[in-house]
Amino acid sequence: MTESRPPTCLKRLRIVRGFLQHQIAQVDDWIAEEERKAAERRRGIEARPPAPDWLVELSPGGRHPVQVHAGGCPPAGKRPRGVNREEALRRLAEGVPACGHCRPDTELGFLNG
């Protein structure tokens, strides 16, 4: 009958080293994945079209304009639609109110009518 001997200190250290190498490889994989995600986010941000200069906030259902905003106006609501300068002026001339926060009528030089 063979008697099993306890591992030597050197053998135990090699086992721990192998385990740590496995853990380091796993951490390296996680780092690579996070770097890939960060690069993807950067590409997405760079590919994003520029914010429109003017917005028309639409009613629920998106059928009627509710307010005209300058681009990037925080209170523009959940249904803003980017428009060009001419459409923003036209909507103001049609009587669509200007946002009291960003004052697009002032920025556009629109004088009531």
PDB file of N, CA and C in Angstrom:
ATOM      1  N   MET A   1       0.836  -1.164   0.000  1.00  0.00           N
ATOM      2  CA  MET A   1       0.000   0.000   0.000  1.00  0.00           C
ATOM      3  C   MET A   1       0.887   1.236   0.000  1.00  0.00           C
ATOM      4  N   THR A   2       0.552   2.165  -0.956  1.00  0.00           N
ATOM      5  CA  THR A   2       1.367   3.376  -1.014  1.00  0.00           C
ATOM      6  C   THR A   2       0.748   4.434  -0.126  1.00  0.00           C
ATOM      7  N   GLU A   3       1.591   5.055   0.528  1.00  0.00           N
ATOM      8  CA  GLU A   3       1.168   6.089   1.458  1.00  0.00           C
ATOM      9  C   GLU A   3       1.228   7.439   0.740  1.00  0.00           C
ATOM     10  N   SER A   4       0.143   8.262   0.797  1.00  0.00           N
ATOM     11  CA  SER A   4       0.182   9.563   0.138  1.00  0.00           C
ATOM     12  C   SER A   4       0.914  10.538   1.049  1.00  0.00           C
ATOM     13  N   ARG A   5       1.840  11.250   0.421  1.00  0.00           N
ATOM     14  CA  ARG A   5       2.626  12.202   1.194  1.00  0.00           C
ATOM     15  C   ARG A   5       2.058  13.595   1.002  1.00  0.00           C
ATOM     16  N   PRO A   6       2.129  14.414   2.020  1.00  0.00           N
ATOM     17  CA  PRO A   6       1.661  15.792   1.864  1.00  0.00           C
ATOM     18  C   PRO A   6       2.543  16.523   0.857  1.00  0.00           C
ATOM     19  N   PRO A   7       1.916  17.450   0.092  1.00  0.00           N
ATOM     20  CA  PRO A   7       2.713  18.175  -0.897  1.00  0.00           C
ATOM     21  C   PRO A   7       3.786  19.015  -0.210  1.00  0.00           C
ATOM     22  N   THR A   8       4.860  19.152  -0.903  1.00  0.00           N
ATOM     23  CA  THR A   8       5.937  19.971  -0.357  1.00  0.00           C
ATOM     24  C   THR A   8       5.566  21.439  -0.496  1.00  0.00           C
ATOM     25  N   CYS A   9       6.291  22.256   0.175  1.00  0.00           N
ATOM     26  CA  CYS A   9       6.053  23.705   0.110  1.00  0.00           C
ATOM     27  C   CYS A   9       6.194  24.187  -1.340  1.00  0.00           C
ATOM     28  N   LEU A  10       7.219  23.698  -2.037  1.00  0.00           N
ATOM     29  CA  LEU A  10       7.441  24.098  -3.426  1.00  0.00           C
ATOM     30  C   LEU A  10       6.258  23.681  -4.305  1.00  0.00           C
ATOM     31  N   LYS A  11       5.725  22.498  -4.075  1.00  0.00           N
ATOM     32  CA  LYS A  11       4.588  22.032  -4.857  1.00  0.00           C
ATOM     33  C   LYS A  11       3.359  22.898  -4.594  1.00  0.00           C
ATOM     34  N   ARG A  12       3.130  23.249  -3.334  1.00  0.00           N
ATOM     35  CA  ARG A  12       2.002  24.119  -2.996  1.00  0.00           C
ATOM     36  C   ARG A  12       2.150  25.495  -3.640  1.00  0.00           C
ATOM     37  N   LEU A  13       3.347  26.030  -3.618  1.00  0.00           N
ATOM     38  CA  LEU A  13       3.582  27.339  -4.238  1.00  0.00           C
ATOM     39  C   LEU A  13       3.313  27.289  -5.747  1.00  0.00           C
ATOM     40  N   ARG A  14       3.675  26.187  -6.393  1.00  0.00           N
ATOM     41  CA  ARG A  14       3.412  26.060  -7.837  1.00  0.00           C
ATOM     42  C   ARG A  14       1.906  25.966  -8.114  1.00  0.00           C
ATOM     43  N   ILE A  15       1.183  25.316  -7.235  1.00  0.00           N
ATOM     44  CA  ILE A  15      -0.278  25.234  -7.385  1.00  0.00           C
ATOM     45  C   ILE A  15      -0.887  26.626  -7.243  1.00  0.00           C
ATOM     46  N   VAL A  16      -0.454  27.371  -6.229  1.00  0.00           N
ATOM     47  CA  VAL A  16      -0.954  28.739  -6.027  1.00  0.00           C
ATOM     48  C   VAL A  16      -0.590  29.606  -7.225  1.00  0.00           C
ATOM     49  N   ARG A  17       0.631  29.440  -7.740  1.00  0.00           N
ATOM     50  CA  ARG A  17       1.063  30.227  -8.904  1.00  0.00           C
ATOM     51  C   ARG A  17       0.169  29.934 -10.110  1.00  0.00           C
ATOM     52  N   GLY A  18      -0.146  28.679 -10.342  1.00  0.00           N
ATOM     53  CA  GLY A  18      -1.026  28.324 -11.460  1.00  0.00           C
ATOM     54  C   GLY A  18      -2.409  28.935 -11.294  1.00  0.00           C
ATOM     55  N   PHE A  19      -2.933  28.901 -10.068  1.00  0.00           N
ATOM     56  CA  PHE A  19      -4.236  29.507  -9.797  1.00  0.00           C
ATOM     57  C   PHE A  19      -4.199  31.014 -10.061  1.00  0.00           C
ATOM     58  N   LEU A  20      -3.141  31.671  -9.588  1.00  0.00           N
ATOM     59  CA  LEU A  20      -3.028  33.120  -9.784  1.00  0.00           C
ATOM     60  C   LEU A  20      -2.865  33.474 -11.261  1.00  0.00           C
ATOM     61  N   GLN A  21      -2.147  32.653 -12.012  1.00  0.00           N
ATOM     62  CA  GLN A  21      -2.024  32.902 -13.448  1.00  0.00           C
ATOM     63  C   GLN A  21      -3.393  32.839 -14.124  1.00  0.00           C
ATOM     64  N   HIS A  22      -4.193  31.876 -13.698  1.00  0.00           N
ATOM     65  CA  HIS A  22      -5.551  31.762 -14.235  1.00  0.00           C
ATOM     66  C   HIS A  22      -6.369  33.008 -13.885  1.00  0.00           C
ATOM     67  N   GLN A  23      -6.254  33.475 -12.647  1.00  0.00           N
ATOM     68  CA  GLN A  23      -6.986  34.669 -12.225  1.00  0.00           C
ATOM     69  C   GLN A  23      -6.526  35.904 -12.996  1.00  0.00           C
ATOM     70  N   ILE A  24      -5.228  36.054 -13.212  1.00  0.00           N
ATOM     71  CA  ILE A  24      -4.693  37.193 -13.972  1.00  0.00           C
ATOM     72  C   ILE A  24      -5.206  37.148 -15.404  1.00  0.00           C
ATOM     73  N   ALA A  25      -5.255  35.965 -16.004  1.00  0.00           N
ATOM     74  CA  ALA A  25      -5.775  35.839 -17.368  1.00  0.00           C
ATOM     75  C   ALA A  25      -7.243  36.258 -17.410  1.00  0.00           C
ATOM     76  N   GLN A  26      -8.000  35.891 -16.388  1.00  0.00           N
ATOM     77  CA  GLN A  26      -9.412  36.270 -16.339  1.00  0.00           C
ATOM     78  C   GLN A  26      -9.552  37.786 -16.203  1.00  0.00           C
ATOM     79  N   VAL A  27      -8.745  38.405 -15.353  1.00  0.00           N
ATOM     80  CA  VAL A  27      -8.778  39.867 -15.191  1.00  0.00           C
ATOM     81  C   VAL A  27      -8.371  40.540 -16.501  1.00  0.00           C
ATOM     82  N   ASP A  28      -7.363  40.012 -17.185  1.00  0.00           N
ATOM     83  CA  ASP A  28      -6.961  40.568 -18.483  1.00  0.00           C
ATOM     84  C   ASP A  28      -8.103  40.503 -19.491  1.00  0.00           C
ATOM     85  N   ASP A  29      -8.864  39.415 -19.475  1.00  0.00           N
ATOM     86  CA  ASP A  29     -10.029  39.307 -20.362  1.00  0.00           C
ATOM     87  C   ASP A  29     -11.079  40.371 -20.019  1.00  0.00           C
ATOM     88  N   TRP A  30     -11.310  40.591 -18.726  1.00  0.00           N
ATOM     89  CA  TRP A  30     -12.274  41.612 -18.301  1.00  0.00           C
ATOM     90  C   TRP A  30     -11.814  43.004 -18.729  1.00  0.00           C
ATOM     91  N   ILE A  31     -10.520  43.273 -18.570  1.00  0.00           N
ATOM     92  CA  ILE A  31      -9.975  44.572 -18.981  1.00  0.00           C
ATOM     93  C   ILE A  31     -10.165  44.768 -20.483  1.00  0.00           C
ATOM     94  N   ALA A  32      -9.843  43.743 -21.265  1.00  0.00           N
ATOM     95  CA  ALA A  32      -9.996  43.837 -22.719  1.00  0.00           C
ATOM     96  C   ALA A  32     -11.454  44.095 -23.098  1.00  0.00           C
ATOM     97  N   GLU A  33     -12.383  43.438 -22.412  1.00  0.00           N
ATOM     98  CA  GLU A  33     -13.813  43.638 -22.692  1.00  0.00           C
ATOM     99  C   GLU A  33     -14.243  45.067 -22.359  1.00  0.00           C
ATOM    100  N   GLU A  34     -13.796  45.588 -21.227  1.00  0.00           N
ATOM    101  CA  GLU A  34     -14.140  46.969 -20.856  1.00  0.00           C
ATOM    102  C   GLU A  34     -13.522  47.971 -21.823  1.00  0.00           C
ATOM    103  N   GLU A  35     -12.302  47.711 -22.285  1.00  0.00           N
ATOM    104  CA  GLU A  35     -11.671  48.598 -23.279  1.00  0.00           C
ATOM    105  C   GLU A  35     -12.453  48.568 -24.589  1.00  0.00           C
ATOM    106  N   ARG A  36     -12.938  47.383 -24.981  1.00  0.00           N
ATOM    107  CA  ARG A  36     -13.731  47.271 -26.198  1.00  0.00           C
ATOM    108  C   ARG A  36     -15.029  48.062 -26.074  1.00  0.00           C
ATOM    109  N   LYS A  37     -15.691  47.942 -24.905  1.00  0.00           N
ATOM    110  CA  LYS A  37     -16.937  48.686 -24.677  1.00  0.00           C
ATOM    111  C   LYS A  37     -16.694  50.193 -24.696  1.00  0.00           C
ATOM    112  N   ALA A  38     -15.596  50.638 -24.067  1.00  0.00           N
ATOM    113  CA  ALA A  38     -15.285  52.074 -24.040  1.00  0.00           C
ATOM    114  C   ALA A  38     -15.023  52.590 -25.454  1.00  0.00           C
ATOM    115  N   ALA A  39     -14.299  51.817 -26.265  1.00  0.00           N
ATOM    116  CA  ALA A  39     -14.028  52.231 -27.645  1.00  0.00           C
ATOM    117  C   ALA A  39     -15.321  52.291 -28.447  1.00  0.00           C
ATOM    118  N   GLU A  40     -16.218  51.345 -28.212  1.00  0.00           N
ATOM    119  CA  GLU A  40     -17.514  51.342 -28.901  1.00  0.00           C
ATOM    120  C   GLU A  40     -18.343  52.563 -28.508  1.00  0.00           C
ATOM    121  N   ARG A  41     -18.329  52.914 -27.217  1.00  0.00           N
ATOM    122  CA  ARG A  41     -19.052  54.122 -26.772  1.00  0.00           C
ATOM    123  C   ARG A  41     -18.475  55.365 -27.425  1.00  0.00           C
ATOM    124  N   ARG A  42     -17.125  55.454 -27.488  1.00  0.00           N
ATOM    125  CA  ARG A  42     -16.491  56.617 -28.128  1.00  0.00           C
ATOM    126  C   ARG A  42     -16.879  56.720 -29.594  1.00  0.00           C
ATOM    127  N   ARG A  43     -16.866  55.587 -30.296  1.00  0.00           N
ATOM    128  CA  ARG A  43     -17.256  55.598 -31.726  1.00  0.00           C
ATOM    129  C   ARG A  43     -18.704  56.031 -31.882  1.00  0.00           C
ATOM    130  N   GLY A  44     -19.570  55.573 -30.978  1.00  0.00           N
ATOM    131  CA  GLY A  44     -20.977  55.973 -31.030  1.00  0.00           C
ATOM    132  C   GLY A  44     -21.155  57.464 -30.819  1.00  0.00           C
ATOM    133  N   ILE A  45     -20.423  58.010 -29.862  1.00  0.00           N
ATOM    134  CA  ILE A  45     -20.507  59.448 -29.586  1.00  0.00           C
ATOM    135  C   ILE A  45     -19.980  60.249 -30.773  1.00  0.00           C
ATOM    136  N   GLU A  46     -18.867  59.798 -31.351  1.00  0.00           N
ATOM    137  CA  GLU A  46     -18.285  60.514 -32.499  1.00  0.00           C
ATOM    138  C   GLU A  46     -19.187  60.442 -33.732  1.00  0.00           C
ATOM    139  N   ALA A  47     -19.933  59.342 -33.884  1.00  0.00           N
ATOM    140  CA  ALA A  47     -20.793  59.166 -35.052  1.00  0.00           C
ATOM    141  C   ALA A  47     -22.153  59.830 -34.878  1.00  0.00           C
ATOM    142  N   ARG A  48     -22.447  60.293 -33.671  1.00  0.00           N
ATOM    143  CA  ARG A  48     -23.750  60.904 -33.406  1.00  0.00           C
ATOM    144  C   ARG A  48     -23.888  62.189 -34.228  1.00  0.00           C
ATOM    145  N   PRO A  49     -25.024  62.369 -34.884  1.00  0.00           N
ATOM    146  CA  PRO A  49     -25.204  63.605 -35.651  1.00  0.00           C
ATOM    147  C   PRO A  49     -25.262  64.808 -34.709  1.00  0.00           C
ATOM    148  N   PRO A  50     -24.894  65.979 -35.201  1.00  0.00           N
ATOM    149  CA  PRO A  50     -24.939  67.154 -34.327  1.00  0.00           C
ATOM    150  C   PRO A  50     -26.374  67.475 -33.913  1.00  0.00           C
ATOM    151  N   ALA A  51     -26.505  68.057 -32.742  1.00  0.00           N
ATOM    152  CA  ALA A  51     -27.832  68.443 -32.239  1.00  0.00           C
ATOM    153  C   ALA A  51     -28.413  69.524 -33.151  1.00  0.00           C
ATOM    154  N   PRO A  52     -29.710  69.486 -33.401  1.00  0.00           N
ATOM    155  CA  PRO A  52     -30.313  70.514 -34.255  1.00  0.00           C
ATOM    156  C   PRO A  52     -30.277  71.877 -33.554  1.00  0.00           C
ATOM    157  N   ASP A  53     -30.240  72.931 -34.355  1.00  0.00           N
ATOM    158  CA  ASP A  53     -30.232  74.288 -33.798  1.00  0.00           C
ATOM    159  C   ASP A  53     -31.589  74.680 -33.238  1.00  0.00           C
ATOM    160  N   TRP A  54     -32.663  74.099 -33.800  1.00  0.00           N
ATOM    161  CA  TRP A  54     -34.024  74.466 -33.404  1.00  0.00           C
ATOM    162  C   TRP A  54     -34.869  73.215 -33.242  1.00  0.00           C
ATOM    163  N   LEU A  55     -35.815  73.272 -32.326  1.00  0.00           N
ATOM    164  CA  LEU A  55     -36.699  72.138 -32.065  1.00  0.00           C
ATOM    165  C   LEU A  55     -38.142  72.621 -32.068  1.00  0.00           C
ATOM    166  N   VAL A  56     -39.014  71.741 -32.520  1.00  0.00           N
ATOM    167  CA  VAL A  56     -40.450  71.962 -32.371  1.00  0.00           C
ATOM    168  C   VAL A  56     -40.948  70.819 -31.494  1.00  0.00           C
ATOM    169  N   GLU A  57     -41.497  71.173 -30.345  1.00  0.00           N
ATOM    170  CA  GLU A  57     -42.061  70.167 -29.449  1.00  0.00           C
ATOM    171  C   GLU A  57     -43.448  69.823 -29.963  1.00  0.00           C
ATOM    172  N   LEU A  58     -43.722  68.523 -30.079  1.00  0.00           N
ATOM    173  CA  LEU A  58     -44.991  68.073 -30.624  1.00  0.00           C
ATOM    174  C   LEU A  58     -45.934  67.611 -29.518  1.00  0.00           C
ATOM    175  N   SER A  59     -47.220  67.674 -29.806  1.00  0.00           N
ATOM    176  CA  SER A  59     -48.249  67.230 -28.863  1.00  0.00           C
ATOM    177  C   SER A  59     -48.200  65.711 -28.722  1.00  0.00           C
ATOM    178  N   PRO A  60     -48.850  65.167 -27.688  1.00  0.00           N
ATOM    179  CA  PRO A  60     -48.948  63.707 -27.609  1.00  0.00           C
ATOM    180  C   PRO A  60     -49.582  63.183 -28.899  1.00  0.00           C
ATOM    181  N   GLY A  61     -49.002  62.179 -29.455  1.00  0.00           N
ATOM    182  CA  GLY A  61     -49.451  61.679 -30.746  1.00  0.00           C
ATOM    183  C   GLY A  61     -48.640  62.285 -31.877  1.00  0.00           C
ATOM    184  N   GLY A  62     -47.925  63.362 -31.602  1.00  0.00           N
ATOM    185  CA  GLY A  62     -47.032  63.977 -32.573  1.00  0.00           C
ATOM    186  C   GLY A  62     -47.687  64.671 -33.732  1.00  0.00           C
ATOM    187  N   ARG A  63     -48.929  65.118 -33.572  1.00  0.00           N
ATOM    188  CA  ARG A  63     -49.637  65.732 -34.701  1.00  0.00           C
ATOM    189  C   ARG A  63     -49.550  67.258 -34.737  1.00  0.00           C
ATOM    190  N   HIS A  64     -49.447  67.898 -33.577  1.00  0.00           N
ATOM    191  CA  HIS A  64     -49.510  69.359 -33.543  1.00  0.00           C
ATOM    192  C   HIS A  64     -48.298  69.927 -32.818  1.00  0.00           C
ATOM    193  N   PRO A  65     -47.740  71.015 -33.345  1.00  0.00           N
ATOM    194  CA  PRO A  65     -46.633  71.659 -32.642  1.00  0.00           C
ATOM    195  C   PRO A  65     -47.142  72.362 -31.382  1.00  0.00           C
ATOM    196  N   VAL A  66     -46.391  72.232 -30.313  1.00  0.00           N
ATOM    197  CA  VAL A  66     -46.792  72.812 -29.032  1.00  0.00           C
ATOM    198  C   VAL A  66     -45.935  74.035 -28.696  1.00  0.00           C
ATOM    199  N   GLN A  67     -44.622  73.918 -28.909  1.00  0.00           N
ATOM    200  CA  GLN A  67     -43.701  75.017 -28.621  1.00  0.00           C
ATOM    201  C   GLN A  67     -42.494  74.932 -29.538  1.00  0.00           C
ATOM    202  N   VAL A  68     -41.857  76.092 -29.737  1.00  0.00           N
ATOM    203  CA  VAL A  68     -40.601  76.158 -30.478  1.00  0.00           C
ATOM    204  C   VAL A  68     -39.499  76.358 -29.445  1.00  0.00           C
ATOM    205  N   HIS A  69     -38.391  75.622 -29.607  1.00  0.00           N
ATOM    206  CA  HIS A  69     -37.265  75.693 -28.678  1.00  0.00           C
ATOM    207  C   HIS A  69     -35.972  75.890 -29.451  1.00  0.00           C
ATOM    208  N   ALA A  70     -34.972  76.440 -28.776  1.00  0.00           N
ATOM    209  CA  ALA A  70     -33.610  76.427 -29.300  1.00  0.00           C
ATOM    210  C   ALA A  70     -33.061  75.023 -29.073  1.00  0.00           C
ATOM    211  N   GLY A  71     -32.157  74.574 -29.935  1.00  0.00           N
ATOM    212  CA  GLY A  71     -31.577  73.240 -29.788  1.00  0.00           C
ATOM    213  C   GLY A  71     -30.916  73.071 -28.431  1.00  0.00           C
ATOM    214  N   GLY A  72     -31.100  71.894 -27.833  1.00  0.00           N
ATOM    215  CA  GLY A  72     -30.504  71.606 -26.536  1.00  0.00           C
ATOM    216  C   GLY A  72     -31.273  72.143 -25.352  1.00  0.00           C
ATOM    217  N   CYS A  73     -32.451  72.692 -25.574  1.00  0.00           N
ATOM    218  CA  CYS A  73     -33.257  73.235 -24.467  1.00  0.00           C
ATOM    219  C   CYS A  73     -33.743  72.075 -23.593  1.00  0.00           C
ATOM    220  N   PRO A  74     -33.393  72.049 -22.306  1.00  0.00           N
ATOM    221  CA  PRO A  74     -33.815  70.940 -21.447  1.00  0.00           C
ATOM    222  C   PRO A  74     -35.328  70.759 -21.341  1.00  0.00           C
ATOM    223  N   PRO A  75     -36.136  71.837 -21.276  1.00  0.00           N
ATOM    224  CA  PRO A  75     -37.578  71.608 -21.157  1.00  0.00           C
ATOM    225  C   PRO A  75     -38.272  71.293 -22.481  1.00  0.00           C
ATOM    226  N   ALA A  76     -37.543  70.831 -23.495  1.00  0.00           N
ATOM    227  CA  ALA A  76     -38.148  70.598 -24.813  1.00  0.00           C
ATOM    228  C   ALA A  76     -39.122  69.426 -24.832  1.00  0.00           C
ATOM    229  N   GLY A  77     -39.297  68.735 -23.744  1.00  0.00           N
ATOM    230  CA  GLY A  77     -40.290  67.665 -23.676  1.00  0.00           C
ATOM    231  C   GLY A  77     -39.785  66.356 -24.245  1.00  0.00           C
ATOM    232  N   LYS A  78     -40.696  65.407 -24.325  1.00  0.00           N
ATOM    233  CA  LYS A  78     -40.338  64.070 -24.784  1.00  0.00           C
ATOM    234  C   LYS A  78     -40.492  63.906 -26.288  1.00  0.00           C
ATOM    235  N   ARG A  79     -41.097  64.868 -26.964  1.00  0.00           N
ATOM    236  CA  ARG A  79     -41.363  64.716 -28.389  1.00  0.00           C
ATOM    237  C   ARG A  79     -40.802  65.884 -29.202  1.00  0.00           C
ATOM    238  N   PRO A  80     -39.523  66.223 -29.042  1.00  0.00           N
ATOM    239  CA  PRO A  80     -38.986  67.298 -29.863  1.00  0.00           C
ATOM    240  C   PRO A  80     -38.603  66.783 -31.253  1.00  0.00           C
ATOM    241  N   ARG A  81     -38.720  67.640 -32.231  1.00  0.00           N
ATOM    242  CA  ARG A  81     -38.310  67.316 -33.599  1.00  0.00           C
ATOM    243  C   ARG A  81     -37.379  68.414 -34.068  1.00  0.00           C
ATOM    244  N   GLY A  82     -36.220  68.039 -34.548  1.00  0.00           N
ATOM    245  CA  GLY A  82     -35.270  69.017 -35.056  1.00  0.00           C
ATOM    246  C   GLY A  82     -35.785  69.671 -36.327  1.00  0.00           C
ATOM    247  N   VAL A  83     -35.657  70.998 -36.406  1.00  0.00           N
ATOM    248  CA  VAL A  83     -36.092  71.742 -37.592  1.00  0.00           C
ATOM    249  C   VAL A  83     -35.019  72.761 -37.957  1.00  0.00           C
ATOM    250  N   ASN A  84     -35.096  73.252 -39.182  1.00  0.00           N
ATOM    251  CA  ASN A  84     -34.162  74.294 -39.596  1.00  0.00           C
ATOM    252  C   ASN A  84     -34.691  75.671 -39.176  1.00  0.00           C
ATOM    253  N   ARG A  85     -33.893  76.685 -39.382  1.00  0.00           N
ATOM    254  CA  ARG A  85     -34.237  78.055 -38.973  1.00  0.00           C
ATOM    255  C   ARG A  85     -35.540  78.525 -39.614  1.00  0.00           C
ATOM    256  N   GLU A  86     -35.707  78.227 -40.898  1.00  0.00           N
ATOM    257  CA  GLU A  86     -36.896  78.688 -41.616  1.00  0.00           C
ATOM    258  C   GLU A  86     -38.173  78.080 -41.030  1.00  0.00           C
ATOM    259  N   GLU A  87     -38.130  76.792 -40.710  1.00  0.00           N
ATOM    260  CA  GLU A  87     -39.326  76.174 -40.148  1.00  0.00           C
ATOM    261  C   GLU A  87     -39.607  76.705 -38.748  1.00  0.00           C
ATOM    262  N   ALA A  88     -38.566  76.938 -37.976  1.00  0.00           N
ATOM    263  CA  ALA A  88     -38.769  77.501 -36.631  1.00  0.00           C
ATOM    264  C   ALA A  88     -39.437  78.875 -36.739  1.00  0.00           C
ATOM    265  N   LEU A  89     -38.968  79.709 -37.658  1.00  0.00           N
ATOM    266  CA  LEU A  89     -39.581  81.029 -37.862  1.00  0.00           C
ATOM    267  C   LEU A  89     -41.026  80.896 -38.341  1.00  0.00           C
ATOM    268  N   ARG A  90     -41.254  79.959 -39.255  1.00  0.00           N
ATOM    269  CA  ARG A  90     -42.612  79.754 -39.780  1.00  0.00           C
ATOM    270  C   ARG A  90     -43.564  79.324 -38.668  1.00  0.00           C
ATOM    271  N   ARG A  91     -43.119  78.416 -37.807  1.00  0.00           N
ATOM    272  CA  ARG A  91     -43.974  77.958 -36.708  1.00  0.00           C
ATOM    273  C   ARG A  91     -44.288  79.101 -35.750  1.00  0.00           C
ATOM    274  N   LEU A  92     -43.303  79.945 -35.475  1.00  0.00           N
ATOM    275  CA  LEU A  92     -43.564  81.105 -34.613  1.00  0.00           C
ATOM    276  C   LEU A  92     -44.577  82.041 -35.278  1.00  0.00           C
ATOM    277  N   ALA A  93     -44.427  82.255 -36.600  1.00  0.00           N
ATOM    278  CA  ALA A  93     -45.354  83.126 -37.326  1.00  0.00           C
ATOM    279  C   ALA A  93     -46.759  82.543 -37.349  1.00  0.00           C
ATOM    280  N   GLU A  94     -46.874  81.210 -37.303  1.00  0.00           N
ATOM    281  CA  GLU A  94     -48.185  80.552 -37.267  1.00  0.00           C
ATOM    282  C   GLU A  94     -48.829  80.632 -35.885  1.00  0.00           C
ATOM    283  N   GLY A  95     -48.104  81.148 -34.913  1.00  0.00           N
ATOM    284  CA  GLY A  95     -48.662  81.285 -33.573  1.00  0.00           C
ATOM    285  C   GLY A  95     -48.238  80.217 -32.578  1.00  0.00           C
ATOM    286  N   VAL A  96     -47.323  79.334 -32.974  1.00  0.00           N
ATOM    287  CA  VAL A  96     -46.811  78.343 -32.012  1.00  0.00           C
ATOM    288  C   VAL A  96     -45.965  79.112 -31.000  1.00  0.00           C
ATOM    289  N   PRO A  97     -46.240  78.948 -29.705  1.00  0.00           N
ATOM    290  CA  PRO A  97     -45.521  79.736 -28.706  1.00  0.00           C
ATOM    291  C   PRO A  97     -44.040  79.385 -28.632  1.00  0.00           C
ATOM    292  N   ALA A  98     -43.261  80.393 -28.287  1.00  0.00           N
ATOM    293  CA  ALA A  98     -41.830  80.208 -28.046  1.00  0.00           C
ATOM    294  C   ALA A  98     -41.628  79.760 -26.603  1.00  0.00           C
ATOM    295  N   CYS A  99     -40.668  78.925 -26.386  1.00  0.00           N
ATOM    296  CA  CYS A  99     -40.340  78.467 -25.032  1.00  0.00           C
ATOM    297  C   CYS A  99     -39.881  79.666 -24.202  1.00  0.00           C
ATOM    298  N   GLY A 100     -40.418  79.770 -23.007  1.00  0.00           N
ATOM    299  CA  GLY A 100     -40.034  80.862 -22.115  1.00  0.00           C
ATOM    300  C   GLY A 100     -38.670  80.663 -21.477  1.00  0.00           C
ATOM    301  N   HIS A 101     -38.136  79.443 -21.583  1.00  0.00           N
ATOM    302  CA  HIS A 101     -36.835  79.145 -20.976  1.00  0.00           C
ATOM    303  C   HIS A 101     -35.690  79.538 -21.907  1.00  0.00           C
ATOM    304  N   CYS A 102     -35.751  79.064 -23.158  1.00  0.00           N
ATOM    305  CA  CYS A 102     -34.633  79.292 -24.083  1.00  0.00           C
ATOM    306  C   CYS A 102     -34.856  80.480 -25.023  1.00  0.00           C
ATOM    307  N   ARG A 103     -36.058  81.002 -25.093  1.00  0.00           N
ATOM    308  CA  ARG A 103     -36.411  82.182 -25.897  1.00  0.00           C
ATOM    309  C   ARG A 103     -35.905  82.111 -27.341  1.00  0.00           C
ATOM    310  N   PRO A 104     -36.361  81.119 -28.125  1.00  0.00           N
ATOM    311  CA  PRO A 104     -35.903  81.026 -29.513  1.00  0.00           C
ATOM    312  C   PRO A 104     -36.355  82.206 -30.363  1.00  0.00           C
ATOM    313  N   ASP A 105     -37.476  82.826 -30.001  1.00  0.00           N
ATOM    314  CA  ASP A 105     -37.946  83.984 -30.779  1.00  0.00           C
ATOM    315  C   ASP A 105     -36.931  85.114 -30.722  1.00  0.00           C
ATOM    316  N   THR A 106     -36.351  85.338 -29.551  1.00  0.00           N
ATOM    317  CA  THR A 106     -35.332  86.387 -29.402  1.00  0.00           C
ATOM    318  C   THR A 106     -34.089  86.019 -30.200  1.00  0.00           C
ATOM    319  N   GLU A 107     -33.666  84.763 -30.066  1.00  0.00           N
ATOM    320  CA  GLU A 107     -32.465  84.309 -30.766  1.00  0.00           C
ATOM    321  C   GLU A 107     -32.644  84.340 -32.281  1.00  0.00           C
ATOM    322  N   LEU A 108     -33.872  84.074 -32.739  1.00  0.00           N
ATOM    323  CA  LEU A 108     -34.159  84.091 -34.171  1.00  0.00           C
ATOM    324  C   LEU A 108     -34.438  85.507 -34.692  1.00  0.00           C
ATOM    325  N   GLY A 109     -34.587  86.439 -33.794  1.00  0.00           N
ATOM    326  CA  GLY A 109     -34.915  87.794 -34.207  1.00  0.00           C
ATOM    327  C   GLY A 109     -36.366  87.927 -34.635  1.00  0.00           C
ATOM    328  N   PHE A 110     -37.236  87.088 -34.126  1.00  0.00           N
ATOM    329  CA  PHE A 110     -38.649  87.089 -34.491  1.00  0.00           C
ATOM    330  C   PHE A 110     -39.379  88.146 -33.674  1.00  0.00           C
ATOM    331  N   LEU A 111     -40.044  89.038 -34.359  1.00  0.00           N
ATOM    332  CA  LEU A 111     -40.816  90.089 -33.696  1.00  0.00           C
ATOM    333  C   LEU A 111     -42.289  89.836 -33.971  1.00  0.00           C
ATOM    334  N   ASN A 112     -42.989  89.205 -33.052  1.00  0.00           N
ATOM    335  CA  ASN A 112     -44.415  88.861 -33.135  1.00  0.00           C
ATOM    336  C   ASN A 112     -45.088  89.245 -34.446  1.00  0.00           C
ATOM    337  N   GLY A 113     -44.919  88.393 -35.424  1.00  0.00           N
ATOM    338  CA  GLY A 113     -45.619  88.596 -36.690  1.00  0.00           C
ATOM    339  C   GLY A 113     -44.686  88.976 -37.720  1.00  0.00           C
TER     340      GLY A 113
END
